[in-house]
Amino acid sequence: MYKPTKIIIALVIFLAIVTFPIWSSIGSDSVSPDVEISLDTPAINALGDDASCIYDTDYMRANHMKVLSEWKVEVVRNGNRMIVTEDGREYLASLENTCFECHSNYEDFCLKCHEYSNVDPSCWECHLEPVTDSNVSEEV
């Protein structure tokens, strides 16, 4: 027969191993640093203080993939290329002609964030990936 103390010790060791990620982070002040993206583009700089995105910045950071997915449905399935925001502004539902109009620095904007988050967007399965310094081969 097993002794109850051996079972209890085994359970304590098991619980310590399973819950290690939780209790090891308690009291830890280490927070992942935010990725620094660049908003330094000619189009954004030309707007000055009037610069604003289609939606609120915090909303776009959290939901841009949802926005682009909704645009895809509107354009491809419904044939609607114009998007009207809540405040009545109209935009062409186009990654290249709307988003990249201001965010022309693909490497320092989109790519940095996607690499930091380890995300591989499916945009480039249908669309051409923007030309950047890192994906351009020199002509010989």
N, C-alpha and C. Protein backbone atom coordinates (compact mmCIF):
# COMPACT_ATOMS: atom_id res chain seq x y z
N MET A 1 0.83 -1.19 0.00
CA MET A 1 0.00 0.00 0.00
C MET A 1 0.87 1.25 0.00
N TYR A 2 0.31 2.29 -0.61
CA TYR A 2 1.00 3.58 -0.63
C TYR A 2 0.75 4.32 0.67
N LYS A 3 1.76 5.02 1.09
CA LYS A 3 1.61 5.84 2.28
C LYS A 3 0.98 7.17 1.86
N PRO A 4 0.05 7.69 2.66
CA PRO A 4 -0.60 8.97 2.32
C PRO A 4 0.40 10.11 2.18
N THR A 5 1.50 10.08 2.90
CA THR A 5 2.45 11.18 2.81
C THR A 5 3.10 11.24 1.43
N LYS A 6 3.37 10.10 0.82
CA LYS A 6 3.96 10.07 -0.52
C LYS A 6 2.98 10.64 -1.54
N ILE A 7 1.70 10.32 -1.40
CA ILE A 7 0.67 10.84 -2.30
C ILE A 7 0.55 12.35 -2.16
N ILE A 8 0.55 12.82 -0.93
CA ILE A 8 0.43 14.26 -0.67
C ILE A 8 1.64 15.00 -1.24
N ILE A 9 2.83 14.45 -1.04
CA ILE A 9 4.04 15.08 -1.57
C ILE A 9 3.99 15.13 -3.10
N ALA A 10 3.55 14.03 -3.71
CA ALA A 10 3.44 13.99 -5.18
C ALA A 10 2.43 15.01 -5.68
N LEU A 11 1.31 15.16 -4.98
CA LEU A 11 0.29 16.15 -5.36
C LEU A 11 0.82 17.58 -5.23
N VAL A 12 1.57 17.85 -4.18
CA VAL A 12 2.14 19.18 -3.96
C VAL A 12 3.13 19.50 -5.08
N ILE A 13 3.99 18.55 -5.42
CA ILE A 13 4.96 18.75 -6.50
C ILE A 13 4.23 18.97 -7.82
N PHE A 14 3.22 18.17 -8.08
CA PHE A 14 2.43 18.32 -9.32
C PHE A 14 1.78 19.70 -9.39
N LEU A 15 1.14 20.13 -8.32
CA LEU A 15 0.49 21.45 -8.30
C LEU A 15 1.51 22.58 -8.45
N ALA A 16 2.69 22.42 -7.84
CA ALA A 16 3.72 23.44 -7.97
C ALA A 16 4.17 23.58 -9.43
N ILE A 17 4.33 22.46 -10.10
CA ILE A 17 4.76 22.48 -11.50
C ILE A 17 3.67 23.07 -12.40
N VAL A 18 2.44 22.65 -12.19
CA VAL A 18 1.34 23.11 -13.04
C VAL A 18 1.05 24.59 -12.85
N THR A 19 1.16 25.09 -11.63
CA THR A 19 0.83 26.49 -11.36
C THR A 19 2.04 27.41 -11.39
N PHE A 20 3.21 26.90 -11.75
CA PHE A 20 4.43 27.71 -11.78
C PHE A 20 4.28 29.00 -12.59
N PRO A 21 3.73 28.96 -13.81
CA PRO A 21 3.62 30.22 -14.58
C PRO A 21 2.80 31.29 -13.87
N ILE A 22 1.82 30.90 -13.11
CA ILE A 22 0.95 31.86 -12.43
C ILE A 22 1.68 32.49 -11.25
N TRP A 23 2.16 31.67 -10.32
CA TRP A 23 2.75 32.25 -9.12
C TRP A 23 4.12 32.84 -9.37
N SER A 24 4.81 32.44 -10.44
CA SER A 24 6.12 33.03 -10.70
C SER A 24 5.99 34.46 -11.23
N SER A 25 4.83 34.78 -11.82
CA SER A 25 4.65 36.13 -12.37
C SER A 25 4.03 37.09 -11.35
N ILE A 26 3.58 36.58 -10.23
CA ILE A 26 2.99 37.45 -9.20
C ILE A 26 4.09 38.35 -8.62
N GLY A 27 3.81 39.62 -8.60
CA GLY A 27 4.76 40.58 -8.07
C GLY A 27 5.83 40.98 -9.07
N SER A 28 5.78 40.40 -10.23
CA SER A 28 6.76 40.75 -11.25
C SER A 28 6.33 42.04 -11.94
N ASP A 29 7.23 42.98 -12.03
CA ASP A 29 6.93 44.25 -12.67
C ASP A 29 7.28 44.23 -14.16
N SER A 30 7.76 43.11 -14.64
CA SER A 30 8.17 43.08 -16.03
C SER A 30 6.96 43.02 -16.95
N VAL A 31 6.89 44.01 -17.81
CA VAL A 31 5.82 44.10 -18.78
C VAL A 31 6.49 44.18 -20.15
N SER A 32 5.91 43.49 -21.11
CA SER A 32 6.48 43.54 -22.45
C SER A 32 6.44 44.98 -22.96
N PRO A 33 7.55 45.45 -23.47
CA PRO A 33 7.55 46.82 -23.99
C PRO A 33 6.70 46.88 -25.26
N ASP A 34 6.03 48.00 -25.43
CA ASP A 34 5.25 48.19 -26.65
C ASP A 34 6.21 48.34 -27.81
N VAL A 35 5.81 47.81 -28.93
CA VAL A 35 6.62 47.98 -30.13
C VAL A 35 6.47 49.44 -30.57
N GLU A 36 7.56 50.03 -30.97
CA GLU A 36 7.53 51.42 -31.40
C GLU A 36 7.37 51.47 -32.91
N ILE A 37 6.23 51.99 -33.34
CA ILE A 37 5.97 52.13 -34.77
C ILE A 37 6.16 53.59 -35.17
N SER A 38 6.44 53.79 -36.42
CA SER A 38 6.69 55.14 -36.91
C SER A 38 5.46 55.68 -37.63
N LEU A 39 5.06 56.87 -37.26
CA LEU A 39 4.00 57.59 -37.96
C LEU A 39 4.58 58.73 -38.78
N ASP A 40 5.88 58.64 -39.02
CA ASP A 40 6.58 59.68 -39.75
C ASP A 40 6.51 59.39 -41.25
N THR A 41 5.42 59.82 -41.87
CA THR A 41 5.27 59.67 -43.31
C THR A 41 4.89 61.03 -43.89
N PRO A 42 5.17 61.25 -45.16
CA PRO A 42 4.83 62.54 -45.76
C PRO A 42 3.34 62.88 -45.63
N ALA A 43 2.46 61.91 -45.84
CA ALA A 43 1.02 62.18 -45.78
C ALA A 43 0.58 62.55 -44.37
N ILE A 44 1.07 61.83 -43.38
CA ILE A 44 0.69 62.13 -41.99
C ILE A 44 1.28 63.47 -41.56
N ASN A 45 2.53 63.72 -41.93
CA ASN A 45 3.17 65.00 -41.57
C ASN A 45 2.46 66.17 -42.23
N ALA A 46 1.96 66.00 -43.45
CA ALA A 46 1.26 67.08 -44.15
C ALA A 46 -0.06 67.42 -43.46
N LEU A 47 -0.67 66.44 -42.80
CA LEU A 47 -1.93 66.69 -42.09
C LEU A 47 -1.73 67.49 -40.82
N GLY A 48 -0.54 67.40 -40.24
CA GLY A 48 -0.25 68.14 -39.01
C GLY A 48 -1.16 67.74 -37.87
N ASP A 49 -1.73 68.74 -37.21
CA ASP A 49 -2.60 68.48 -36.05
C ASP A 49 -3.95 67.90 -36.46
N ASP A 50 -4.28 67.99 -37.74
CA ASP A 50 -5.56 67.47 -38.23
C ASP A 50 -5.50 65.98 -38.55
N ALA A 51 -4.35 65.35 -38.30
CA ALA A 51 -4.19 63.93 -38.63
C ALA A 51 -5.13 63.08 -37.79
N SER A 52 -5.90 62.26 -38.47
CA SER A 52 -6.76 61.31 -37.77
C SER A 52 -6.96 60.10 -38.67
N CYS A 53 -7.09 58.96 -38.06
CA CYS A 53 -7.29 57.73 -38.81
C CYS A 53 -8.79 57.59 -39.10
N ILE A 54 -9.14 56.56 -39.81
CA ILE A 54 -10.54 56.31 -40.14
C ILE A 54 -11.36 56.16 -38.86
N TYR A 55 -10.79 55.43 -37.92
CA TYR A 55 -11.41 55.26 -36.60
C TYR A 55 -10.42 55.70 -35.54
N ASP A 56 -10.84 55.74 -34.30
CA ASP A 56 -10.01 56.09 -33.16
C ASP A 56 -8.75 55.21 -33.13
N THR A 57 -7.62 55.77 -32.75
CA THR A 57 -6.34 55.06 -32.75
C THR A 57 -6.38 53.79 -31.92
N ASP A 58 -6.91 53.86 -30.70
CA ASP A 58 -6.97 52.67 -29.84
C ASP A 58 -7.85 51.58 -30.46
N TYR A 59 -8.95 52.01 -31.08
CA TYR A 59 -9.84 51.05 -31.74
C TYR A 59 -9.11 50.38 -32.91
N MET A 60 -8.38 51.16 -33.70
CA MET A 60 -7.67 50.61 -34.85
C MET A 60 -6.56 49.66 -34.42
N ARG A 61 -5.88 49.97 -33.35
CA ARG A 61 -4.82 49.07 -32.87
C ARG A 61 -5.40 47.72 -32.49
N ALA A 62 -6.54 47.72 -31.87
CA ALA A 62 -7.14 46.48 -31.40
C ALA A 62 -7.97 45.77 -32.46
N ASN A 63 -8.52 46.52 -33.42
CA ASN A 63 -9.50 45.93 -34.33
C ASN A 63 -9.22 46.11 -35.81
N HIS A 64 -8.01 46.51 -36.20
CA HIS A 64 -7.78 46.76 -37.63
C HIS A 64 -8.01 45.52 -38.47
N MET A 65 -7.70 44.35 -37.91
CA MET A 65 -7.93 43.12 -38.68
C MET A 65 -9.41 42.86 -38.88
N LYS A 66 -10.21 43.22 -37.90
CA LYS A 66 -11.67 43.08 -38.02
C LYS A 66 -12.21 44.08 -39.06
N VAL A 67 -11.70 45.31 -39.02
CA VAL A 67 -12.11 46.33 -39.98
C VAL A 67 -11.79 45.87 -41.40
N LEU A 68 -10.57 45.38 -41.61
CA LEU A 68 -10.18 44.92 -42.95
C LEU A 68 -11.00 43.73 -43.41
N SER A 69 -11.34 42.85 -42.47
CA SER A 69 -12.18 41.70 -42.81
C SER A 69 -13.59 42.15 -43.21
N GLU A 70 -14.12 43.13 -42.48
CA GLU A 70 -15.45 43.66 -42.83
C GLU A 70 -15.41 44.34 -44.18
N TRP A 71 -14.31 45.06 -44.47
CA TRP A 71 -14.16 45.70 -45.77
C TRP A 71 -14.16 44.65 -46.88
N LYS A 72 -13.44 43.56 -46.64
CA LYS A 72 -13.37 42.50 -47.65
C LYS A 72 -14.76 41.96 -47.97
N VAL A 73 -15.56 41.74 -46.93
CA VAL A 73 -16.91 41.24 -47.14
C VAL A 73 -17.73 42.25 -47.92
N GLU A 74 -17.65 43.51 -47.55
CA GLU A 74 -18.40 44.56 -48.24
C GLU A 74 -18.01 44.67 -49.72
N VAL A 75 -16.72 44.62 -49.99
CA VAL A 75 -16.25 44.79 -51.37
C VAL A 75 -16.51 43.54 -52.20
N VAL A 76 -16.06 42.40 -51.72
CA VAL A 76 -16.12 41.17 -52.51
C VAL A 76 -17.53 40.60 -52.60
N ARG A 77 -18.22 40.54 -51.49
CA ARG A 77 -19.54 39.90 -51.50
C ARG A 77 -20.68 40.84 -51.81
N ASN A 78 -20.56 42.10 -51.36
CA ASN A 78 -21.66 43.04 -51.54
C ASN A 78 -21.40 44.07 -52.63
N GLY A 79 -20.19 44.13 -53.15
CA GLY A 79 -19.85 45.07 -54.21
C GLY A 79 -19.84 46.52 -53.76
N ASN A 80 -19.74 46.75 -52.46
CA ASN A 80 -19.74 48.10 -51.91
C ASN A 80 -18.31 48.52 -51.61
N ARG A 81 -17.77 49.46 -52.38
CA ARG A 81 -16.40 49.90 -52.19
C ARG A 81 -16.27 51.10 -51.26
N MET A 82 -17.36 51.76 -50.94
CA MET A 82 -17.30 52.94 -50.07
C MET A 82 -17.73 52.59 -48.65
N ILE A 83 -16.93 53.04 -47.69
CA ILE A 83 -17.22 52.82 -46.28
C ILE A 83 -17.53 54.18 -45.66
N VAL A 84 -18.61 54.25 -44.91
CA VAL A 84 -18.99 55.49 -44.24
C VAL A 84 -18.80 55.28 -42.74
N THR A 85 -18.01 56.16 -42.11
CA THR A 85 -17.76 56.05 -40.68
C THR A 85 -18.94 56.64 -39.90
N GLU A 86 -18.92 56.46 -38.60
CA GLU A 86 -20.02 56.96 -37.75
C GLU A 86 -20.17 58.47 -37.85
N ASP A 87 -19.06 59.18 -38.09
CA ASP A 87 -19.14 60.64 -38.17
C ASP A 87 -19.43 61.11 -39.60
N GLY A 88 -19.75 60.18 -40.51
CA GLY A 88 -20.18 60.54 -41.85
C GLY A 88 -19.09 60.66 -42.91
N ARG A 89 -17.83 60.44 -42.53
CA ARG A 89 -16.75 60.50 -43.51
C ARG A 89 -16.79 59.25 -44.40
N GLU A 90 -16.50 59.44 -45.68
CA GLU A 90 -16.50 58.32 -46.62
C GLU A 90 -15.07 57.97 -47.03
N TYR A 91 -14.80 56.66 -47.09
CA TYR A 91 -13.50 56.17 -47.50
C TYR A 91 -13.67 55.03 -48.48
N LEU A 92 -12.70 54.89 -49.35
CA LEU A 92 -12.65 53.76 -50.25
C LEU A 92 -12.15 52.57 -49.43
N ALA A 93 -12.86 51.47 -49.46
CA ALA A 93 -12.47 50.28 -48.70
C ALA A 93 -11.32 49.61 -49.42
N SER A 94 -10.12 50.12 -49.18
CA SER A 94 -8.95 49.64 -49.89
C SER A 94 -7.71 49.75 -49.00
N LEU A 95 -7.05 48.64 -48.81
CA LEU A 95 -5.82 48.63 -48.02
C LEU A 95 -4.77 49.51 -48.69
N GLU A 96 -4.59 49.32 -49.98
CA GLU A 96 -3.56 50.06 -50.71
C GLU A 96 -3.90 51.53 -50.89
N ASN A 97 -5.14 51.84 -51.25
CA ASN A 97 -5.50 53.22 -51.59
C ASN A 97 -6.04 54.04 -50.42
N THR A 98 -6.29 53.42 -49.30
CA THR A 98 -6.75 54.17 -48.14
C THR A 98 -5.73 54.07 -47.01
N CYS A 99 -5.47 52.87 -46.53
CA CYS A 99 -4.54 52.70 -45.41
C CYS A 99 -3.12 53.13 -45.78
N PHE A 100 -2.62 52.58 -46.90
CA PHE A 100 -1.24 52.88 -47.29
C PHE A 100 -1.08 54.29 -47.82
N GLU A 101 -2.17 55.00 -48.02
CA GLU A 101 -2.10 56.41 -48.41
C GLU A 101 -1.36 57.19 -47.33
N CYS A 102 -1.71 56.93 -46.08
CA CYS A 102 -1.04 57.60 -44.95
C CYS A 102 0.10 56.74 -44.40
N HIS A 103 -0.17 55.46 -44.22
CA HIS A 103 0.81 54.55 -43.61
C HIS A 103 1.67 53.92 -44.69
N SER A 104 2.41 54.76 -45.39
CA SER A 104 3.23 54.31 -46.51
C SER A 104 4.53 53.65 -46.07
N ASN A 105 4.81 53.68 -44.78
CA ASN A 105 6.04 53.10 -44.25
C ASN A 105 5.76 51.68 -43.74
N TYR A 106 5.46 50.78 -44.64
CA TYR A 106 5.07 49.41 -44.32
C TYR A 106 6.03 48.74 -43.33
N GLU A 107 7.34 48.87 -43.56
CA GLU A 107 8.31 48.21 -42.68
C GLU A 107 8.27 48.76 -41.26
N ASP A 108 8.15 50.07 -41.12
CA ASP A 108 8.17 50.69 -39.79
C ASP A 108 6.79 50.80 -39.15
N PHE A 109 5.77 50.35 -39.84
CA PHE A 109 4.41 50.42 -39.28
C PHE A 109 3.83 49.03 -39.16
N CYS A 110 3.36 48.48 -40.25
CA CYS A 110 2.70 47.17 -40.24
C CYS A 110 3.66 46.04 -39.85
N LEU A 111 4.76 45.95 -40.59
CA LEU A 111 5.66 44.82 -40.45
C LEU A 111 6.24 44.72 -39.04
N LYS A 112 6.64 45.85 -38.46
CA LYS A 112 7.20 45.84 -37.10
C LYS A 112 6.22 45.24 -36.10
N CYS A 113 4.99 45.66 -36.17
CA CYS A 113 3.97 45.19 -35.23
C CYS A 113 3.66 43.71 -35.45
N HIS A 114 3.51 43.32 -36.72
CA HIS A 114 3.20 41.93 -37.01
C HIS A 114 4.34 41.00 -36.60
N GLU A 115 5.57 41.40 -36.82
CA GLU A 115 6.71 40.59 -36.39
C GLU A 115 6.78 40.52 -34.87
N TYR A 116 6.56 41.64 -34.20
CA TYR A 116 6.58 41.69 -32.74
C TYR A 116 5.51 40.76 -32.15
N SER A 117 4.34 40.74 -32.79
CA SER A 117 3.23 39.93 -32.30
C SER A 117 3.26 38.51 -32.86
N ASN A 118 4.24 38.22 -33.72
CA ASN A 118 4.36 36.93 -34.38
C ASN A 118 3.08 36.57 -35.14
N VAL A 119 2.63 37.53 -35.95
CA VAL A 119 1.41 37.37 -36.74
C VAL A 119 1.78 37.37 -38.21
N ASP A 120 1.20 36.45 -38.94
CA ASP A 120 1.40 36.38 -40.39
C ASP A 120 0.07 36.67 -41.06
N PRO A 121 -0.20 37.93 -41.40
CA PRO A 121 -1.51 38.27 -41.96
C PRO A 121 -1.77 37.58 -43.29
N SER A 122 -3.02 37.28 -43.53
CA SER A 122 -3.40 36.58 -44.76
C SER A 122 -3.65 37.54 -45.92
N CYS A 123 -3.41 38.82 -45.72
CA CYS A 123 -3.63 39.82 -46.78
C CYS A 123 -2.91 39.47 -48.05
N TRP A 124 -1.67 38.98 -47.89
CA TRP A 124 -0.78 38.80 -49.04
C TRP A 124 -1.06 37.50 -49.80
N GLU A 125 -2.07 36.76 -49.37
CA GLU A 125 -2.49 35.59 -50.15
C GLU A 125 -3.21 36.05 -51.42
N CYS A 126 -3.87 37.20 -51.35
CA CYS A 126 -4.59 37.74 -52.52
C CYS A 126 -3.94 39.02 -53.04
N HIS A 127 -3.42 39.85 -52.15
CA HIS A 127 -2.86 41.15 -52.52
C HIS A 127 -1.35 41.06 -52.67
N LEU A 128 -0.78 41.97 -53.44
CA LEU A 128 0.67 42.05 -53.55
C LEU A 128 1.23 42.70 -52.30
N GLU A 129 2.28 42.11 -51.75
CA GLU A 129 2.90 42.66 -50.55
C GLU A 129 3.59 43.97 -50.93
N PRO A 130 3.47 45.00 -50.09
CA PRO A 130 4.12 46.28 -50.40
C PRO A 130 5.63 46.11 -50.58
N VAL A 131 6.18 46.89 -51.47
CA VAL A 131 7.61 46.84 -51.73
C VAL A 131 8.33 47.53 -50.58
N THR A 132 9.30 46.83 -49.98
CA THR A 132 10.08 47.39 -48.89
C THR A 132 11.55 47.16 -49.18
N ASP A 133 12.40 47.77 -48.37
CA ASP A 133 13.84 47.60 -48.53
C ASP A 133 14.24 46.14 -48.35
N SER A 134 13.56 45.41 -47.45
CA SER A 134 13.98 44.06 -47.14
C SER A 134 13.48 43.02 -48.14
N ASN A 135 12.43 43.32 -48.91
CA ASN A 135 11.95 42.31 -49.86
C ASN A 135 12.19 42.68 -51.32
N VAL A 136 13.10 43.63 -51.53
CA VAL A 136 13.45 44.01 -52.89
C VAL A 136 14.82 43.44 -53.19
N SER A 137 14.93 42.71 -54.29
CA SER A 137 16.25 42.19 -54.66
C SER A 137 16.86 43.15 -55.68
N GLU A 138 18.15 43.30 -55.56
CA GLU A 138 18.84 44.21 -56.47
C GLU A 138 18.92 43.59 -57.85
N GLU A 139 18.69 44.41 -58.85
CA GLU A 139 18.81 43.94 -60.23
C GLU A 139 20.27 43.90 -60.61
N VAL A 140 20.63 42.83 -61.32
CA VAL A 140 22.03 42.69 -61.74
C VAL A 140 22.19 43.10 -63.17
